[in-house]
Amino acid sequence: MRVEGWGPEDYDRVRWEIYKAAVELGGTITGKHGVGAIRKRYLAMRLSPKELEIMRAIKGIFDPNNMLNPDKVLP
């Protein structure tokens, strides 16, 4: 859906508010398709720095050369 006169920053602002509300209500920002390139910048809103560190460590074990979806999931 497009709103006439809106630019990328407007959509980012709305996306931030929607994800923020979802997390505050106990929900998550991801669905069955995972985080993806768009949502990865919002992942820290839902996960702690320690959780992100653990995720990076696990990815490093299974993908030491960062060849599997590089820069797609973890900020």
N, C-alpha and C. Protein backbone atom coordinates (compact mmCIF):
# COMPACT_ATOMS: atom_id res chain seq x y z
N MET A 1 0.84 -1.17 0.00
CA MET A 1 0.00 0.00 0.00
C MET A 1 0.89 1.24 0.00
N ARG A 2 0.58 2.18 -0.83
CA ARG A 2 1.33 3.43 -0.92
C ARG A 2 0.44 4.59 -0.47
N VAL A 3 1.06 5.54 0.20
CA VAL A 3 0.37 6.76 0.60
C VAL A 3 0.99 7.90 -0.18
N GLU A 4 0.17 8.63 -0.89
CA GLU A 4 0.68 9.72 -1.72
C GLU A 4 1.41 10.74 -0.86
N GLY A 5 2.60 11.11 -1.31
CA GLY A 5 3.40 12.10 -0.60
C GLY A 5 4.31 11.53 0.48
N TRP A 6 4.21 10.24 0.73
CA TRP A 6 5.06 9.61 1.75
C TRP A 6 6.36 9.14 1.13
N GLY A 7 7.43 9.25 1.92
CA GLY A 7 8.73 8.75 1.51
C GLY A 7 9.16 7.61 2.42
N PRO A 8 10.35 7.07 2.18
CA PRO A 8 10.84 5.95 2.98
C PRO A 8 10.86 6.23 4.48
N GLU A 9 11.21 7.45 4.86
CA GLU A 9 11.27 7.78 6.29
C GLU A 9 9.90 7.71 6.95
N ASP A 10 8.84 8.02 6.20
CA ASP A 10 7.48 7.93 6.74
C ASP A 10 7.11 6.47 7.01
N TYR A 11 7.44 5.60 6.06
CA TYR A 11 7.15 4.18 6.24
C TYR A 11 7.98 3.59 7.38
N ASP A 12 9.24 4.02 7.50
CA ASP A 12 10.08 3.56 8.60
C ASP A 12 9.50 3.97 9.94
N ARG A 13 8.98 5.18 10.04
CA ARG A 13 8.38 5.67 11.28
C ARG A 13 7.17 4.84 11.67
N VAL A 14 6.30 4.57 10.71
CA VAL A 14 5.11 3.77 10.97
C VAL A 14 5.49 2.34 11.34
N ARG A 15 6.44 1.78 10.61
CA ARG A 15 6.91 0.42 10.90
C ARG A 15 7.44 0.34 12.33
N TRP A 16 8.24 1.34 12.74
CA TRP A 16 8.79 1.39 14.10
C TRP A 16 7.66 1.39 15.13
N GLU A 17 6.64 2.20 14.92
CA GLU A 17 5.53 2.28 15.87
C GLU A 17 4.76 0.96 15.95
N ILE A 18 4.55 0.32 14.82
CA ILE A 18 3.84 -0.97 14.81
C ILE A 18 4.65 -2.03 15.55
N TYR A 19 5.94 -2.13 15.26
CA TYR A 19 6.78 -3.13 15.93
C TYR A 19 6.88 -2.83 17.42
N LYS A 20 7.00 -1.56 17.77
CA LYS A 20 7.09 -1.17 19.17
C LYS A 20 5.83 -1.59 19.92
N ALA A 21 4.66 -1.33 19.34
CA ALA A 21 3.40 -1.73 19.96
C ALA A 21 3.31 -3.24 20.10
N ALA A 22 3.73 -3.97 19.08
CA ALA A 22 3.68 -5.43 19.13
C ALA A 22 4.53 -5.97 20.28
N VAL A 23 5.74 -5.43 20.44
CA VAL A 23 6.64 -5.88 21.50
C VAL A 23 6.07 -5.50 22.87
N GLU A 24 5.55 -4.28 23.00
CA GLU A 24 4.98 -3.84 24.28
C GLU A 24 3.80 -4.70 24.70
N LEU A 25 3.09 -5.24 23.74
CA LEU A 25 1.93 -6.09 24.03
C LEU A 25 2.31 -7.57 24.18
N GLY A 26 3.62 -7.85 24.18
CA GLY A 26 4.09 -9.21 24.39
C GLY A 26 4.27 -10.01 23.11
N GLY A 27 4.14 -9.36 21.99
CA GLY A 27 4.28 -10.04 20.70
C GLY A 27 5.70 -9.98 20.19
N THR A 28 5.84 -10.22 18.92
CA THR A 28 7.15 -10.24 18.29
C THR A 28 7.08 -9.48 16.97
N ILE A 29 8.24 -9.19 16.40
CA ILE A 29 8.27 -8.46 15.12
C ILE A 29 8.46 -9.40 13.94
N THR A 30 8.60 -10.68 14.23
CA THR A 30 8.83 -11.64 13.16
C THR A 30 7.64 -12.57 13.01
N GLY A 31 7.60 -13.23 11.90
CA GLY A 31 6.54 -14.21 11.65
C GLY A 31 7.14 -15.49 11.13
N LYS A 32 6.37 -16.22 10.40
CA LYS A 32 6.83 -17.53 9.93
C LYS A 32 7.98 -17.44 8.94
N HIS A 33 8.22 -16.26 8.36
CA HIS A 33 9.29 -16.12 7.38
C HIS A 33 10.58 -15.58 7.98
N GLY A 34 10.62 -15.39 9.29
CA GLY A 34 11.83 -14.95 9.95
C GLY A 34 12.01 -13.44 9.94
N VAL A 35 13.22 -13.02 10.26
CA VAL A 35 13.52 -11.60 10.44
C VAL A 35 13.60 -10.88 9.10
N GLY A 36 14.52 -11.26 8.26
CA GLY A 36 14.66 -10.63 6.96
C GLY A 36 15.37 -9.29 7.01
N ALA A 37 15.67 -8.77 5.84
CA ALA A 37 16.46 -7.55 5.71
C ALA A 37 15.75 -6.32 6.26
N ILE A 38 14.45 -6.25 6.12
CA ILE A 38 13.72 -5.06 6.59
C ILE A 38 13.63 -5.02 8.11
N ARG A 39 13.34 -6.15 8.73
CA ARG A 39 13.11 -6.17 10.17
C ARG A 39 14.39 -6.28 11.00
N LYS A 40 15.51 -6.60 10.41
CA LYS A 40 16.71 -6.85 11.22
C LYS A 40 17.13 -5.63 12.03
N ARG A 41 16.88 -4.43 11.51
CA ARG A 41 17.27 -3.24 12.28
C ARG A 41 16.40 -3.03 13.51
N TYR A 42 15.26 -3.71 13.56
CA TYR A 42 14.36 -3.59 14.71
C TYR A 42 14.51 -4.75 15.69
N LEU A 43 15.37 -5.69 15.39
CA LEU A 43 15.51 -6.90 16.20
C LEU A 43 15.95 -6.58 17.63
N ALA A 44 16.79 -5.58 17.81
CA ALA A 44 17.26 -5.22 19.15
C ALA A 44 16.13 -4.70 20.03
N MET A 45 15.02 -4.34 19.43
CA MET A 45 13.85 -3.90 20.18
C MET A 45 13.23 -5.09 20.92
N ARG A 46 13.42 -6.28 20.40
CA ARG A 46 12.80 -7.49 20.95
C ARG A 46 13.79 -8.36 21.71
N LEU A 47 15.06 -8.33 21.30
CA LEU A 47 16.07 -9.20 21.91
C LEU A 47 17.10 -8.38 22.67
N SER A 48 17.62 -8.96 23.73
CA SER A 48 18.65 -8.29 24.52
C SER A 48 20.00 -8.37 23.80
N PRO A 49 20.95 -7.53 24.20
CA PRO A 49 22.29 -7.64 23.61
C PRO A 49 22.89 -9.04 23.78
N LYS A 50 22.64 -9.67 24.92
CA LYS A 50 23.16 -11.03 25.16
C LYS A 50 22.53 -12.03 24.20
N GLU A 51 21.22 -11.92 23.96
CA GLU A 51 20.55 -12.82 23.02
C GLU A 51 21.09 -12.65 21.61
N LEU A 52 21.34 -11.40 21.21
CA LEU A 52 21.92 -11.15 19.89
C LEU A 52 23.33 -11.73 19.79
N GLU A 53 24.09 -11.59 20.87
CA GLU A 53 25.45 -12.14 20.90
C GLU A 53 25.42 -13.66 20.74
N ILE A 54 24.48 -14.32 21.42
CA ILE A 54 24.35 -15.77 21.31
C ILE A 54 23.97 -16.17 19.89
N MET A 55 23.04 -15.44 19.29
CA MET A 55 22.63 -15.74 17.92
C MET A 55 23.80 -15.59 16.95
N ARG A 56 24.61 -14.53 17.14
CA ARG A 56 25.78 -14.34 16.27
C ARG A 56 26.78 -15.48 16.44
N ALA A 57 26.96 -15.93 17.69
CA ALA A 57 27.90 -17.02 17.96
C ALA A 57 27.42 -18.32 17.29
N ILE A 58 26.13 -18.60 17.38
CA ILE A 58 25.59 -19.81 16.75
C ILE A 58 25.75 -19.73 15.23
N LYS A 59 25.43 -18.56 14.65
CA LYS A 59 25.60 -18.40 13.21
C LYS A 59 27.06 -18.60 12.83
N GLY A 60 27.97 -18.09 13.65
CA GLY A 60 29.40 -18.24 13.38
C GLY A 60 29.86 -19.69 13.36
N ILE A 61 29.23 -20.51 14.19
CA ILE A 61 29.58 -21.94 14.23
C ILE A 61 29.14 -22.63 12.94
N PHE A 62 27.91 -22.36 12.52
CA PHE A 62 27.36 -23.04 11.34
C PHE A 62 27.75 -22.37 10.02
N ASP A 63 28.16 -21.11 10.09
CA ASP A 63 28.48 -20.36 8.87
C ASP A 63 29.72 -19.48 9.12
N PRO A 64 30.88 -20.10 9.36
CA PRO A 64 32.07 -19.32 9.72
C PRO A 64 32.53 -18.34 8.64
N ASN A 65 32.19 -18.59 7.39
CA ASN A 65 32.58 -17.69 6.31
C ASN A 65 31.48 -16.70 5.94
N ASN A 66 30.40 -16.70 6.71
CA ASN A 66 29.27 -15.77 6.50
C ASN A 66 28.76 -15.81 5.05
N MET A 67 28.58 -17.03 4.55
CA MET A 67 28.11 -17.20 3.16
C MET A 67 26.60 -17.39 3.07
N LEU A 68 25.98 -17.82 4.15
CA LEU A 68 24.54 -18.11 4.15
C LEU A 68 23.76 -16.85 4.53
N ASN A 69 23.11 -16.26 3.57
CA ASN A 69 22.33 -15.04 3.78
C ASN A 69 23.12 -13.97 4.55
N PRO A 70 24.27 -13.57 4.05
CA PRO A 70 25.06 -12.57 4.77
C PRO A 70 24.29 -11.27 4.95
N ASP A 71 24.34 -10.74 6.15
CA ASP A 71 23.71 -9.45 6.50
C ASP A 71 22.20 -9.44 6.33
N LYS A 72 21.56 -10.60 6.33
CA LYS A 72 20.10 -10.64 6.16
C LYS A 72 19.35 -10.74 7.48
N VAL A 73 19.94 -11.36 8.49
CA VAL A 73 19.18 -11.65 9.70
C VAL A 73 19.66 -10.88 10.91
N LEU A 74 20.95 -10.83 11.13
CA LEU A 74 21.47 -10.21 12.35
C LEU A 74 21.99 -8.81 12.08
N PRO A 75 21.59 -7.88 12.95
CA PRO A 75 22.10 -6.51 12.78
C PRO A 75 23.56 -6.41 13.16
